PDB file of N, CA and C in Angstrom:
ATOM      1  N   MET A   1      51.803-152.916 -34.774  1.00  0.00           N
ATOM      2  CA  MET A   1      51.868-151.672 -35.272  1.00  0.00           C
ATOM      3  C   MET A   1      52.693-151.490 -36.450  1.00  0.00           C
ATOM      4  N   LYS A   2      52.266-150.916 -37.444  1.00  0.00           N
ATOM      5  CA  LYS A   2      52.849-150.709 -38.837  1.00  0.00           C
ATOM      6  C   LYS A   2      53.832-149.547 -38.669  1.00  0.00           C
ATOM      7  N   THR A   3      55.052-149.859 -39.227  1.00  0.00           N
ATOM      8  CA  THR A   3      56.014-148.678 -39.043  1.00  0.00           C
ATOM      9  C   THR A   3      56.065-148.012 -40.396  1.00  0.00           C
ATOM     10  N   LYS A   4      55.955-146.679 -40.285  1.00  0.00           N
ATOM     11  CA  LYS A   4      55.916-145.867 -41.460  1.00  0.00           C
ATOM     12  C   LYS A   4      57.506-145.427 -41.808  1.00  0.00           C
ATOM     13  N   LYS A   5      57.685-145.124 -43.222  1.00  0.00           N
ATOM     14  CA  LYS A   5      58.894-144.898 -43.632  1.00  0.00           C
ATOM     15  C   LYS A   5      59.106-143.437 -43.611  1.00  0.00           C
ATOM     16  N   VAL A   6      60.148-142.868 -43.056  1.00  0.00           N
ATOM     17  CA  VAL A   6      60.519-141.514 -43.008  1.00  0.00           C
ATOM     18  C   VAL A   6      61.017-141.117 -44.401  1.00  0.00           C
ATOM     19  N   VAL A   7      60.375-140.149 -45.047  1.00  0.00           N
ATOM     20  CA  VAL A   7      60.899-139.728 -46.431  1.00  0.00           C
ATOM     21  C   VAL A   7      61.953-138.596 -46.242  1.00  0.00           C
ATOM     22  N   TYR A   8      61.713-137.771 -45.227  1.00  0.00           N
ATOM     23  CA  TYR A   8      62.747-136.608 -45.081  1.00  0.00           C
ATOM     24  C   TYR A   8      62.699-136.254 -43.622  1.00  0.00           C
ATOM     25  N   ALA A   9      63.887-136.036 -43.142  1.00  0.00           N
ATOM     26  CA  ALA A   9      64.105-135.666 -41.701  1.00  0.00           C
ATOM     27  C   ALA A   9      65.056-134.538 -41.485  1.00  0.00           C
ATOM     28  N   LYS A  10      64.819-133.704 -40.527  1.00  0.00           N
ATOM     29  CA  LYS A  10      65.742-132.695 -40.291  1.00  0.00           C
ATOM     30  C   LYS A  10      65.675-132.702 -38.624  1.00  0.00           C
ATOM     31  N   GLY A  11      66.812-132.911 -38.116  1.00  0.00           N
ATOM     32  CA  GLY A  11      66.778-133.023 -36.726  1.00  0.00           C
ATOM     33  C   GLY A  11      66.298-134.199 -36.017  1.00  0.00           C
ATOM     34  N   ASN A  12      65.930-134.169 -34.613  1.00  0.00           N
ATOM     35  CA  ASN A  12      65.479-135.412 -34.121  1.00  0.00           C
ATOM     36  C   ASN A  12      64.132-135.721 -34.262  1.00  0.00           C
ATOM     37  N   VAL A  13      63.691-136.596 -35.113  1.00  0.00           N
ATOM     38  CA  VAL A  13      62.364-136.831 -35.447  1.00  0.00           C
ATOM     39  C   VAL A  13      61.750-137.754 -34.362  1.00  0.00           C
ATOM     40  N   GLN A  14      62.403-138.133 -33.456  1.00  0.00           N
ATOM     41  CA  GLN A  14      61.809-139.049 -32.497  1.00  0.00           C
ATOM     42  C   GLN A  14      61.463-138.239 -31.150  1.00  0.00           C
ATOM     43  N   MET A  15      61.925-136.973 -31.110  1.00  0.00           N
ATOM     44  CA  MET A  15      61.660-135.978 -29.884  1.00  0.00           C
ATOM     45  C   MET A  15      60.045-135.640 -30.189  1.00  0.00           C
ATOM     46  N   PRO A  16      59.302-135.794 -28.832  1.00  0.00           N
ATOM     47  CA  PRO A  16      58.001-135.356 -28.880  1.00  0.00           C
ATOM     48  C   PRO A  16      57.946-133.707 -29.081  1.00  0.00           C
ATOM     49  N   ILE A  17      57.072-133.148 -29.731  1.00  0.00           N
ATOM     50  CA  ILE A  17      56.911-131.953 -30.036  1.00  0.00           C
ATOM     51  C   ILE A  17      55.532-131.370 -29.661  1.00  0.00           C
ATOM     52  N   PHE A  18      55.478-130.317 -28.936  1.00  0.00           N
ATOM     53  CA  PHE A  18      54.270-129.554 -28.440  1.00  0.00           C
ATOM     54  C   PHE A  18      54.153-128.370 -29.249  1.00  0.00           C
ATOM     55  N   TYR A  19      53.129-128.264 -30.140  1.00  0.00           N
ATOM     56  CA  TYR A  19      53.247-127.205 -31.067  1.00  0.00           C
ATOM     57  C   TYR A  19      52.844-125.838 -30.687  1.00  0.00           C
ATOM     58  N   ARG A  20      51.769-125.743 -29.865  1.00  0.00           N
ATOM     59  CA  ARG A  20      51.176-124.447 -29.304  1.00  0.00           C
ATOM     60  C   ARG A  20      51.351-123.389 -30.286  1.00  0.00           C
ATOM     61  N   SER A  21      52.051-122.397 -30.093  1.00  0.00           N
ATOM     62  CA  SER A  21      52.147-121.227 -31.014  1.00  0.00           C
ATOM     63  C   SER A  21      52.633-121.427 -32.308  1.00  0.00           C
ATOM     64  N   ALA A  22      53.423-122.564 -32.593  1.00  0.00           N
ATOM     65  CA  ALA A  22      54.053-122.908 -33.748  1.00  0.00           C
ATOM     66  C   ALA A  22      52.898-123.340 -34.752  1.00  0.00           C
ATOM     67  N   MET A  23      51.796-123.733 -34.296  1.00  0.00           N
ATOM     68  CA  MET A  23      50.655-124.060 -35.232  1.00  0.00           C
ATOM     69  C   MET A  23      49.785-123.088 -35.738  1.00  0.00           C
ATOM     70  N   LYS A  24      50.015-121.752 -35.178  1.00  0.00           N
ATOM     71  CA  LYS A  24      49.026-120.829 -35.362  1.00  0.00           C
ATOM     72  C   LYS A  24      48.975-120.383 -36.929  1.00  0.00           C
ATOM     73  N   PRO A  25      50.183-120.320 -37.458  1.00  0.00           N
ATOM     74  CA  PRO A  25      50.136-119.911 -38.948  1.00  0.00           C
ATOM     75  C   PRO A  25      49.406-121.190 -39.775  1.00  0.00           C
ATOM     76  N   LEU A  26      49.457-122.297 -39.402  1.00  0.00           N
ATOM     77  CA  LEU A  26      48.718-123.249 -40.035  1.00  0.00           C
ATOM     78  C   LEU A  26      47.280-123.186 -39.703  1.00  0.00           C
ATOM     79  N   GLN A  27      46.902-122.941 -38.556  1.00  0.00           N
ATOM     80  CA  GLN A  27      45.598-122.821 -38.117  1.00  0.00           C
ATOM     81  C   GLN A  27      44.939-121.602 -38.672  1.00  0.00           C
ATOM     82  N   ALA A  28      45.744-120.649 -39.243  1.00  0.00           N
ATOM     83  CA  ALA A  28      45.182-119.484 -39.936  1.00  0.00           C
ATOM     84  C   ALA A  28      44.863-119.619 -41.417  1.00  0.00           C
ATOM     85  N   ILE A  29      45.377-120.916 -41.940  1.00  0.00           N
ATOM     86  CA  ILE A  29      45.147-121.062 -43.412  1.00  0.00           C
ATOM     87  C   ILE A  29      43.645-120.985 -43.945  1.00  0.00           C
ATOM     88  N   PRO A  30      42.740-121.571 -43.110  1.00  0.00           N
ATOM     89  CA  PRO A  30      41.307-121.548 -43.541  1.00  0.00           C
ATOM     90  C   PRO A  30      40.852-120.077 -43.551  1.00  0.00           C
ATOM     91  N   VAL A  31      41.291-119.237 -42.581  1.00  0.00           N
ATOM     92  CA  VAL A  31      40.919-117.880 -42.522  1.00  0.00           C
ATOM     93  C   VAL A  31      41.351-116.987 -43.845  1.00  0.00           C
ATOM     94  N   PHE A  32      42.561-117.319 -44.273  1.00  0.00           N
ATOM     95  CA  PHE A  32      43.056-116.549 -45.454  1.00  0.00           C
ATOM     96  C   PHE A  32      42.507-117.084 -46.577  1.00  0.00           C
ATOM     97  N   ARG A  33      42.148-118.404 -46.677  1.00  0.00           N
ATOM     98  CA  ARG A  33      41.543-118.926 -47.898  1.00  0.00           C
ATOM     99  C   ARG A  33      40.067-118.725 -47.956  1.00  0.00           C
ATOM    100  N   SER A  34      39.483-118.178 -47.002  1.00  0.00           N
ATOM    101  CA  SER A  34      38.003-118.026 -47.051  1.00  0.00           C
ATOM    102  C   SER A  34      37.543-116.701 -47.453  1.00  0.00           C
ATOM    103  N   GLY A  35      38.405-115.824 -47.700  1.00  0.00           N
ATOM    104  CA  GLY A  35      38.115-114.497 -48.306  1.00  0.00           C
ATOM    105  C   GLY A  35      37.663-113.463 -47.161  1.00  0.00           C
ATOM    106  N   ILE A  36      37.755-113.828 -45.966  1.00  0.00           N
ATOM    107  CA  ILE A  36      37.413-113.001 -44.786  1.00  0.00           C
ATOM    108  C   ILE A  36      38.372-111.695 -44.761  1.00  0.00           C
ATOM    109  N   ILE A  37      39.483-111.801 -45.193  1.00  0.00           N
ATOM    110  CA  ILE A  37      40.372-110.588 -45.199  1.00  0.00           C
ATOM    111  C   ILE A  37      39.632-109.615 -46.132  1.00  0.00           C
ATOM    112  N   GLU A  38      39.326-109.852 -47.355  1.00  0.00           N
ATOM    113  CA  GLU A  38      38.690-109.028 -48.276  1.00  0.00           C
ATOM    114  C   GLU A  38      37.291-108.697 -47.924  1.00  0.00           C
ATOM    115  N   LYS A  39      36.465-109.629 -47.393  1.00  0.00           N
ATOM    116  CA  LYS A  39      35.167-109.363 -46.984  1.00  0.00           C
ATOM    117  C   LYS A  39      35.044-108.282 -45.973  1.00  0.00           C
ATOM    118  N   TYR A  40      35.961-108.318 -44.918  1.00  0.00           N
ATOM    119  CA  TYR A  40      35.795-107.227 -43.878  1.00  0.00           C
ATOM    120  C   TYR A  40      36.962-106.162 -44.054  1.00  0.00           C
ATOM    121  N   SER A  41      37.584-106.173 -45.219  1.00  0.00           N
ATOM    122  CA  SER A  41      38.571-105.103 -45.406  1.00  0.00           C
ATOM    123  C   SER A  41      39.724-105.035 -44.335  1.00  0.00           C
ATOM    124  N   LEU A  42      40.140-106.215 -44.003  1.00  0.00           N
ATOM    125  CA  LEU A  42      41.192-106.259 -42.872  1.00  0.00           C
ATOM    126  C   LEU A  42      42.460-105.755 -43.314  1.00  0.00           C
ATOM    127  N   ARG A  43      43.131-104.914 -42.507  1.00  0.00           N
ATOM    128  CA  ARG A  43      44.579-104.502 -42.833  1.00  0.00           C
ATOM    129  C   ARG A  43      45.508-105.415 -42.466  1.00  0.00           C
ATOM    130  N   PRO A  44      46.662-105.469 -43.158  1.00  0.00           N
ATOM    131  CA  PRO A  44      47.701-106.465 -42.801  1.00  0.00           C
ATOM    132  C   PRO A  44      48.055-106.660 -41.237  1.00  0.00           C
ATOM    133  N   VAL A  45      48.087-105.589 -40.513  1.00  0.00           N
ATOM    134  CA  VAL A  45      48.258-105.751 -39.157  1.00  0.00           C
ATOM    135  C   VAL A  45      47.063-106.451 -38.437  1.00  0.00           C
ATOM    136  N   GLU A  46      45.947-106.223 -38.854  1.00  0.00           N
ATOM    137  CA  GLU A  46      44.783-107.062 -38.242  1.00  0.00           C
ATOM    138  C   GLU A  46      44.850-108.555 -38.715  1.00  0.00           C
ATOM    139  N   ALA A  47      45.080-108.657 -39.964  1.00  0.00           N
ATOM    140  CA  ALA A  47      45.154-110.194 -40.397  1.00  0.00           C
ATOM    141  C   ALA A  47      46.385-110.882 -39.772  1.00  0.00           C
ATOM    142  N   ALA A  48      47.350-110.199 -39.333  1.00  0.00           N
ATOM    143  CA  ALA A  48      48.564-110.852 -38.761  1.00  0.00           C
ATOM    144  C   ALA A  48      48.062-111.459 -37.488  1.00  0.00           C
ATOM    145  N   LEU A  49      47.112-110.983 -36.802  1.00  0.00           N
ATOM    146  CA  LEU A  49      46.607-111.473 -35.526  1.00  0.00           C
ATOM    147  C   LEU A  49      46.052-112.858 -35.613  1.00  0.00           C
ATOM    148  N   PHE A  50      45.692-113.310 -36.806  1.00  0.00           N
ATOM    149  CA  PHE A  50      45.218-114.704 -36.988  1.00  0.00           C
ATOM    150  C   PHE A  50      46.355-115.532 -36.852  1.00  0.00           C
ATOM    151  N   THR A  51      47.659-115.230 -36.973  1.00  0.00           N
ATOM    152  CA  THR A  51      48.683-116.182 -37.184  1.00  0.00           C
ATOM    153  C   THR A  51      49.724-116.036 -36.015  1.00  0.00           C
ATOM    154  N   ALA A  52      49.451-115.231 -35.065  1.00  0.00           N
ATOM    155  CA  ALA A  52      50.377-114.953 -33.972  1.00  0.00           C
ATOM    156  C   ALA A  52      49.728-114.878 -32.687  1.00  0.00           C
ATOM    157  N   SER A  53      50.466-114.824 -31.541  1.00  0.00           N
ATOM    158  CA  SER A  53      50.132-114.536 -30.226  1.00  0.00           C
ATOM    159  C   SER A  53      50.174-112.999 -30.121  1.00  0.00           C
ATOM    160  N   GLN A  54      49.210-112.655 -29.219  1.00  0.00           N
ATOM    161  CA  GLN A  54      49.225-111.179 -28.884  1.00  0.00           C
ATOM    162  C   GLN A  54      49.600-111.208 -27.380  1.00  0.00           C
ATOM    163  N   ARG A  55      50.297-110.229 -26.754  1.00  0.00           N
ATOM    164  CA  ARG A  55      50.736-110.249 -25.453  1.00  0.00           C
ATOM    165  C   ARG A  55      50.323-109.025 -24.568  1.00  0.00           C
ATOM    166  N   GLY A  56      49.329-108.250 -25.188  1.00  0.00           N
ATOM    167  CA  GLY A  56      48.659-107.168 -24.479  1.00  0.00           C
ATOM    168  C   GLY A  56      49.366-105.818 -24.555  1.00  0.00           C
ATOM    169  N   GLU A  57      50.207-105.861 -25.479  1.00  0.00           N
ATOM    170  CA  GLU A  57      50.887-104.454 -25.674  1.00  0.00           C
ATOM    171  C   GLU A  57      49.854-103.548 -26.281  1.00  0.00           C
ATOM    172  N   SER A  58      50.140-102.230 -26.171  1.00  0.00           N
ATOM    173  CA  SER A  58      48.988-101.234 -26.685  1.00  0.00           C
ATOM    174  C   SER A  58      48.688-101.439 -28.185  1.00  0.00           C
ATOM    175  N   TYR A  59      49.728-101.643 -28.970  1.00  0.00           N
ATOM    176  CA  TYR A  59      49.332-101.846 -30.428  1.00  0.00           C
ATOM    177  C   TYR A  59      48.526-103.077 -30.597  1.00  0.00           C
ATOM    178  N   HIS A  60      48.858-104.147 -29.935  1.00  0.00           N
ATOM    179  CA  HIS A  60      48.008-105.328 -30.063  1.00  0.00           C
ATOM    180  C   HIS A  60      46.517-104.944 -29.707  1.00  0.00           C
ATOM    181  N   VAL A  61      46.242-104.465 -28.478  1.00  0.00           N
ATOM    182  CA  VAL A  61      45.058-104.009 -28.081  1.00  0.00           C
ATOM    183  C   VAL A  61      44.247-103.185 -29.146  1.00  0.00           C
ATOM    184  N   ALA A  62      44.947-102.233 -29.647  1.00  0.00           N
ATOM    185  CA  ALA A  62      44.311-101.308 -30.766  1.00  0.00           C
ATOM    186  C   ALA A  62      43.932-102.221 -31.885  1.00  0.00           C
ATOM    187  N   HIS A  63      44.733-103.060 -32.433  1.00  0.00           N
ATOM    188  CA  HIS A  63      44.418-103.830 -33.557  1.00  0.00           C
ATOM    189  C   HIS A  63      43.374-104.894 -33.274  1.00  0.00           C
ATOM    190  N   LEU A  64      43.349-105.504 -31.996  1.00  0.00           N
ATOM    191  CA  LEU A  64      42.248-106.444 -31.684  1.00  0.00           C
ATOM    192  C   LEU A  64      40.960-105.702 -31.541  1.00  0.00           C
ATOM    193  N   GLN A  65      40.899-104.375 -31.076  1.00  0.00           N
ATOM    194  CA  GLN A  65      39.623-103.651 -31.001  1.00  0.00           C
ATOM    195  C   GLN A  65      39.123-103.298 -32.282  1.00  0.00           C
ATOM    196  N   ASN A  66      39.982-103.078 -33.210  1.00  0.00           N
ATOM    197  CA  ASN A  66      39.486-102.812 -34.725  1.00  0.00           C
ATOM    198  C   ASN A  66      39.057-104.044 -35.366  1.00  0.00           C
ATOM    199  N   LEU A  67      39.762-105.172 -35.141  1.00  0.00           N
ATOM    200  CA  LEU A  67      39.270-106.491 -35.782  1.00  0.00           C
ATOM    201  C   LEU A  67      38.080-106.884 -35.055  1.00  0.00           C
ATOM    202  N   SER A  68      37.823-106.743 -33.769  1.00  0.00           N
ATOM    203  CA  SER A  68      36.527-107.019 -33.169  1.00  0.00           C
ATOM    204  C   SER A  68      35.341-106.363 -33.759  1.00  0.00           C
ATOM    205  N   LYS A  69      35.593-105.040 -34.050  1.00  0.00           N
ATOM    206  CA  LYS A  69      34.554-104.228 -34.464  1.00  0.00           C
ATOM    207  C   LYS A  69      34.164-104.614 -35.880  1.00  0.00           C
ATOM    208  N   LYS A  70      35.234-104.938 -36.810  1.00  0.00           N
ATOM    209  CA  LYS A  70      34.974-105.332 -38.110  1.00  0.00           C
ATOM    210  C   LYS A  70      34.208-106.523 -38.186  1.00  0.00           C
ATOM    211  N   LEU A  71      34.582-107.450 -37.188  1.00  0.00           N
ATOM    212  CA  LEU A  71      34.067-108.870 -37.202  1.00  0.00           C
ATOM    213  C   LEU A  71      32.760-108.897 -36.455  1.00  0.00           C
ATOM    214  N   GLN A  72      32.457-107.889 -35.897  1.00  0.00           N
ATOM    215  CA  GLN A  72      31.173-107.816 -34.882  1.00  0.00           C
ATOM    216  C   GLN A  72      31.321-108.866 -33.996  1.00  0.00           C
ATOM    217  N   ILE A  73      32.449-108.892 -33.213  1.00  0.00           N
ATOM    218  CA  ILE A  73      32.658-109.774 -32.027  1.00  0.00           C
ATOM    219  C   ILE A  73      32.788-108.876 -30.631  1.00  0.00           C
ATOM    220  N   ASP A  74      31.865-109.072 -29.895  1.00  0.00           N
ATOM    221  CA  ASP A  74      31.892-108.284 -28.616  1.00  0.00           C
ATOM    222  C   ASP A  74      32.673-109.062 -27.570  1.00  0.00           C
ATOM    223  N   GLU A  75      33.524-108.369 -26.795  1.00  0.00           N
ATOM    224  CA  GLU A  75      34.379-109.086 -25.787  1.00  0.00           C
ATOM    225  C   GLU A  75      33.715-110.006 -24.799  1.00  0.00           C
ATOM    226  N   GLU A  76      32.312-109.706 -24.529  1.00  0.00           N
ATOM    227  CA  GLU A  76      31.433-110.484 -23.780  1.00  0.00           C
ATOM    228  C   GLU A  76      31.104-111.664 -24.244  1.00  0.00           C
ATOM    229  N   GLN A  77      31.206-111.728 -25.720  1.00  0.00           N
ATOM    230  CA  GLN A  77      30.997-113.091 -26.379  1.00  0.00           C
ATOM    231  C   GLN A  77      32.035-114.102 -26.217  1.00  0.00           C
ATOM    232  N   LEU A  78      33.204-113.750 -25.976  1.00  0.00           N
ATOM    233  CA  LEU A  78      34.403-114.630 -25.810  1.00  0.00           C
ATOM    234  C   LEU A  78      34.109-115.542 -24.668  1.00  0.00           C
ATOM    235  N   ILE A  79      34.441-116.800 -24.973  1.00  0.00           N
ATOM    236  CA  ILE A  79      34.356-117.830 -23.957  1.00  0.00           C
ATOM    237  C   ILE A  79      35.620-118.166 -23.344  1.00  0.00           C
ATOM    238  N   CYS A  80      36.069-117.247 -22.548  1.00  0.00           N
ATOM    239  CA  CYS A  80      37.231-117.508 -21.653  1.00  0.00           C
ATOM    240  C   CYS A  80      37.225-116.625 -20.562  1.00  0.00           C
ATOM    241  N   HIS A  81      38.318-116.792 -19.675  1.00  0.00           N
ATOM    242  CA  HIS A  81      38.380-116.167 -18.394  1.00  0.00           C
ATOM    243  C   HIS A  81      39.087-114.834 -18.763  1.00  0.00           C
ATOM    244  N   ALA A  82      38.839-113.829 -18.015  1.00  0.00           N
ATOM    245  CA  ALA A  82      39.463-112.554 -18.097  1.00  0.00           C
ATOM    246  C   ALA A  82      40.874-112.662 -17.462  1.00  0.00           C
ATOM    247  N   SER A  83      41.792-112.043 -17.989  1.00  0.00           N
ATOM    248  CA  SER A  83      43.224-111.935 -17.381  1.00  0.00           C
ATOM    249  C   SER A  83      43.812-110.614 -17.647  1.00  0.00           C
ATOM    250  N   TYR A  84      45.072-110.456 -17.232  1.00  0.00           N
ATOM    251  CA  TYR A  84      45.807-109.214 -17.457  1.00  0.00           C
ATOM    252  C   TYR A  84      46.771-109.580 -18.701  1.00  0.00           C
ATOM    253  N   PRO A  85      47.204-108.529 -19.387  1.00  0.00           N
ATOM    254  CA  PRO A  85      48.198-108.786 -20.595  1.00  0.00           C
ATOM    255  C   PRO A  85      49.354-109.788 -20.142  1.00  0.00           C
ATOM    256  N   LEU A  86      49.886-110.431 -21.031  1.00  0.00           N
ATOM    257  CA  LEU A  86      50.867-111.445 -20.779  1.00  0.00           C
ATOM    258  C   LEU A  86      52.351-110.929 -20.557  1.00  0.00           C
ATOM    259  N   ASN A  87      52.590-109.720 -21.326  1.00  0.00           N
ATOM    260  CA  ASN A  87      53.857-109.187 -21.135  1.00  0.00           C
ATOM    261  C   ASN A  87      53.884-108.260 -19.806  1.00  0.00           C
ATOM    262  N   GLU A  88      54.803-108.336 -19.159  1.00  0.00           N
ATOM    263  CA  GLU A  88      55.118-107.839 -17.745  1.00  0.00           C
ATOM    264  C   GLU A  88      54.695-106.164 -17.627  1.00  0.00           C
ATOM    265  N   ALA A  89      55.307-105.459 -18.561  1.00  0.00           N
ATOM    266  CA  ALA A  89      55.151-104.064 -18.481  1.00  0.00           C
ATOM    267  C   ALA A  89      53.708-103.673 -18.687  1.00  0.00           C
ATOM    268  N   PRO A  90      52.889-104.086 -19.658  1.00  0.00           N
ATOM    269  CA  PRO A  90      51.538-103.636 -19.808  1.00  0.00           C
ATOM    270  C   PRO A  90      50.728-104.274 -18.630  1.00  0.00           C
ATOM    271  N   LYS A  91      51.114-105.429 -18.174  1.00  0.00           N
ATOM    272  CA  LYS A  91      50.452-106.074 -16.954  1.00  0.00           C
ATOM    273  C   LYS A  91      50.445-105.261 -15.778  1.00  0.00           C
ATOM    274  N   GLN A  92      51.714-104.855 -15.486  1.00  0.00           N
ATOM    275  CA  GLN A  92      51.908-103.912 -14.290  1.00  0.00           C
ATOM    276  C   GLN A  92      51.318-102.710 -14.503  1.00  0.00           C
ATOM    277  N   ASP A  93      51.222-102.050 -15.776  1.00  0.00           N
ATOM    278  CA  ASP A  93      50.543-100.718 -15.984  1.00  0.00           C
ATOM    279  C   ASP A  93      49.007-100.931 -15.672  1.00  0.00           C
ATOM    280  N   TYR A  94      48.465-101.951 -16.133  1.00  0.00           N
ATOM    281  CA  TYR A  94      46.956-102.263 -15.853  1.00  0.00           C
ATOM    282  C   TYR A  94      46.724-102.405 -14.353  1.00  0.00           C
ATOM    283  N   ILE A  95      47.644-103.128 -13.576  1.00  0.00           N
ATOM    284  CA  ILE A  95      47.467-103.330 -12.178  1.00  0.00           C
ATOM    285  C   ILE A  95      47.640-102.005 -11.456  1.00  0.00           C
ATOM    286  N   SER A  96      48.606-101.291 -11.672  1.00  0.00           N
ATOM    287  CA  SER A  96      48.877-100.006 -11.067  1.00  0.00           C
ATOM    288  C   SER A  96      47.828 -98.965 -11.426  1.00  0.00           C
ATOM    289  N   LYS A  97      47.098 -99.123 -12.318  1.00  0.00           N
ATOM    290  CA  LYS A  97      46.019 -98.271 -12.780  1.00  0.00           C
ATOM    291  C   LYS A  97      44.531 -98.729 -12.326  1.00  0.00           C
ATOM    292  N   HIS A  98      44.699 -99.949 -11.712  1.00  0.00           N
ATOM    293  CA  HIS A  98      43.424-100.624 -11.131  1.00  0.00           C
ATOM    294  C   HIS A  98      42.479-100.891 -12.221  1.00  0.00           C
ATOM    295  N   LEU A  99      42.894-101.197 -13.406  1.00  0.00           N
ATOM    296  CA  LEU A  99      42.034-101.747 -14.536  1.00  0.00           C
ATOM    297  C   LEU A  99      41.781-103.045 -14.296  1.00  0.00           C
ATOM    298  N   PRO A 100      40.479-103.301 -14.874  1.00  0.00           N
ATOM    299  CA  PRO A 100      40.055-104.894 -14.687  1.00  0.00           C
ATOM    300  C   PRO A 100      40.782-105.629 -15.665  1.00  0.00           C
ATOM    301  N   LYS A 101      40.722-106.960 -15.355  1.00  0.00           N
ATOM    302  CA  LYS A 101      41.168-107.997 -16.185  1.00  0.00           C
ATOM    303  C   LYS A 101      40.194-107.862 -17.474  1.00  0.00           C
ATOM    304  N   LYS A 102      40.673-108.387 -18.578  1.00  0.00           N
ATOM    305  CA  LYS A 102      39.770-108.467 -19.697  1.00  0.00           C
ATOM    306  C   LYS A 102      39.891-109.733 -20.516  1.00  0.00           C
ATOM    307  N   LYS A 103      38.803-110.171 -21.072  1.00  0.00           N
ATOM    308  CA  LYS A 103      38.883-111.407 -21.887  1.00  0.00           C
ATOM    309  C   LYS A 103      39.750-111.306 -23.096  1.00  0.00           C
ATOM    310  N   ALA A 104      39.694-110.032 -23.587  1.00  0.00           N
ATOM    311  CA  ALA A 104      40.585-109.767 -24.746  1.00  0.00           C
ATOM    312  C   ALA A 104      41.971-110.057 -24.683  1.00  0.00           C
ATOM    313  N   PHE A 105      42.512-110.219 -23.508  1.00  0.00           N
ATOM    314  CA  PHE A 105      43.839-110.616 -23.324  1.00  0.00           C
ATOM    315  C   PHE A 105      44.202-112.104 -23.333  1.00  0.00           C
ATOM    316  N   ALA A 106      43.059-112.953 -23.342  1.00  0.00           N
ATOM    317  CA  ALA A 106      43.233-114.268 -23.442  1.00  0.00           C
ATOM    318  C   ALA A 106      43.746-114.720 -24.815  1.00  0.00           C
ATOM    319  N   GLN A 107      44.721-115.592 -24.993  1.00  0.00           N
ATOM    320  CA  GLN A 107      45.200-115.985 -26.276  1.00  0.00           C
ATOM    321  C   GLN A 107      44.381-116.631 -27.125  1.00  0.00           C
ATOM    322  N   LEU A 108      44.040-117.816 -26.884  1.00  0.00           N
ATOM    323  CA  LEU A 108      43.240-118.803 -27.798  1.00  0.00           C
ATOM    324  C   LEU A 108      41.925-118.393 -27.926  1.00  0.00           C
ATOM    325  N   CYS A 109      41.322-117.556 -26.956  1.00  0.00           N
ATOM    326  CA  CYS A 109      40.097-117.117 -27.038  1.00  0.00           C
ATOM    327  C   CYS A 109      39.775-116.359 -28.224  1.00  0.00           C
ATOM    328  N   TRP A 110      40.562-115.322 -28.672  1.00  0.00           N
ATOM    329  CA  TRP A 110      40.467-114.653 -29.952  1.00  0.00           C
ATOM    330  C   TRP A 110      40.409-115.500 -31.113  1.00  0.00           C
ATOM    331  N   GLN A 111      41.413-116.380 -31.276  1.00  0.00           N
ATOM    332  CA  GLN A 111      41.477-117.189 -32.440  1.00  0.00           C
ATOM    333  C   GLN A 111      40.334-118.099 -32.599  1.00  0.00           C
ATOM    334  N   ALA A 112      39.783-118.640 -31.555  1.00  0.00           N
ATOM    335  CA  ALA A 112      38.647-119.496 -31.583  1.00  0.00           C
ATOM    336  C   ALA A 112      37.275-118.697 -31.913  1.00  0.00           C
ATOM    337  N   SER A 113      37.229-117.418 -31.523  1.00  0.00           N
ATOM    338  CA  SER A 113      36.209-116.720 -31.714  1.00  0.00           C
ATOM    339  C   SER A 113      36.211-116.188 -33.137  1.00  0.00           C
ATOM    340  N   TRP A 114      37.289-115.859 -33.794  1.00  0.00           N
ATOM    341  CA  TRP A 114      37.486-115.480 -35.226  1.00  0.00           C
ATOM    342  C   TRP A 114      37.076-116.790 -36.113  1.00  0.00           C
ATOM    343  N   LEU A 115      37.569-117.940 -35.679  1.00  0.00           N
ATOM    344  CA  LEU A 115      37.233-119.061 -36.455  1.00  0.00           C
ATOM    345  C   LEU A 115      35.630-119.389 -36.406  1.00  0.00           C
ATOM    346  N   SER A 116      35.107-119.210 -35.264  1.00  0.00           N
ATOM    347  CA  SER A 116      33.671-119.305 -35.230  1.00  0.00           C
ATOM    348  C   SER A 116      32.976-118.366 -35.936  1.00  0.00           C
ATOM    349  N   ARG A 117      33.412-117.099 -36.050  1.00  0.00           N
ATOM    350  CA  ARG A 117      32.716-116.110 -36.771  1.00  0.00           C
ATOM    351  C   ARG A 117      32.763-116.528 -38.325  1.00  0.00           C
ATOM    352  N   LEU A 118      34.027-116.915 -38.667  1.00  0.00           N
ATOM    353  CA  LEU A 118      34.233-117.323 -40.044  1.00  0.00           C
ATOM    354  C   LEU A 118      33.252-118.548 -40.421  1.00  0.00           C
ATOM    355  N   CYS A 119      33.306-119.550 -39.624  1.00  0.00           N
ATOM    356  CA  CYS A 119      32.377-120.675 -39.885  1.00  0.00           C
ATOM    357  C   CYS A 119      30.926-120.258 -39.966  1.00  0.00           C
ATOM    358  N   GLU A 120      30.635-119.395 -38.979  1.00  0.00           N
ATOM    359  CA  GLU A 120      29.152-118.915 -39.126  1.00  0.00           C
ATOM    360  C   GLU A 120      28.915-118.163 -40.291  1.00  0.00           C
ATOM    361  N   GLY A 121      29.694-117.330 -40.603  1.00  0.00           N
ATOM    362  CA  GLY A 121      29.508-116.402 -41.871  1.00  0.00           C
ATOM    363  C   GLY A 121      29.623-117.251 -43.213  1.00  0.00           C
ATOM    364  N   GLU A 122      30.364-118.300 -43.132  1.00  0.00           N
ATOM    365  CA  GLU A 122      30.516-119.125 -44.412  1.00  0.00           C
ATOM    366  C   GLU A 122      29.601-120.299 -44.320  1.00  0.00           C
ATOM    367  N   GLY A 123      28.914-120.425 -43.321  1.00  0.00           N
ATOM    368  CA  GLY A 123      27.815-121.538 -43.134  1.00  0.00           C
ATOM    369  C   GLY A 123      28.452-122.934 -42.869  1.00  0.00           C
ATOM    370  N   ILE A 124      29.460-122.905 -42.350  1.00  0.00           N
ATOM    371  CA  ILE A 124      30.297-124.237 -42.102  1.00  0.00           C
ATOM    372  C   ILE A 124      29.856-124.812 -40.826  1.00  0.00           C
TER     373      ILE A 124
END
């Protein structure tokens, strides 16, 4: 196995890293470079959803609903399991009101759907 030279290091470069949410801003680069923000007249709060996690707070839900309308993505099109919001207060609120689980609360489901819509619209 060939050893590669470390050009710059900060911290323990030998420690395994599991990116998860830390990669979302990088995963969003194609979205921002594609022109989808301008094409669908997305507001900054809607565009921010490409780069971060949402946890089911009321403002997240409102922006997700606006975004899904603009991108013409119906919740039933999402390929994921329905769930409750991730944050405890909204989750308990949904449960106490006997509201159903929603696919819209699934994290990666939305990012995958937006990227799919982007690829579809751009012929990728």
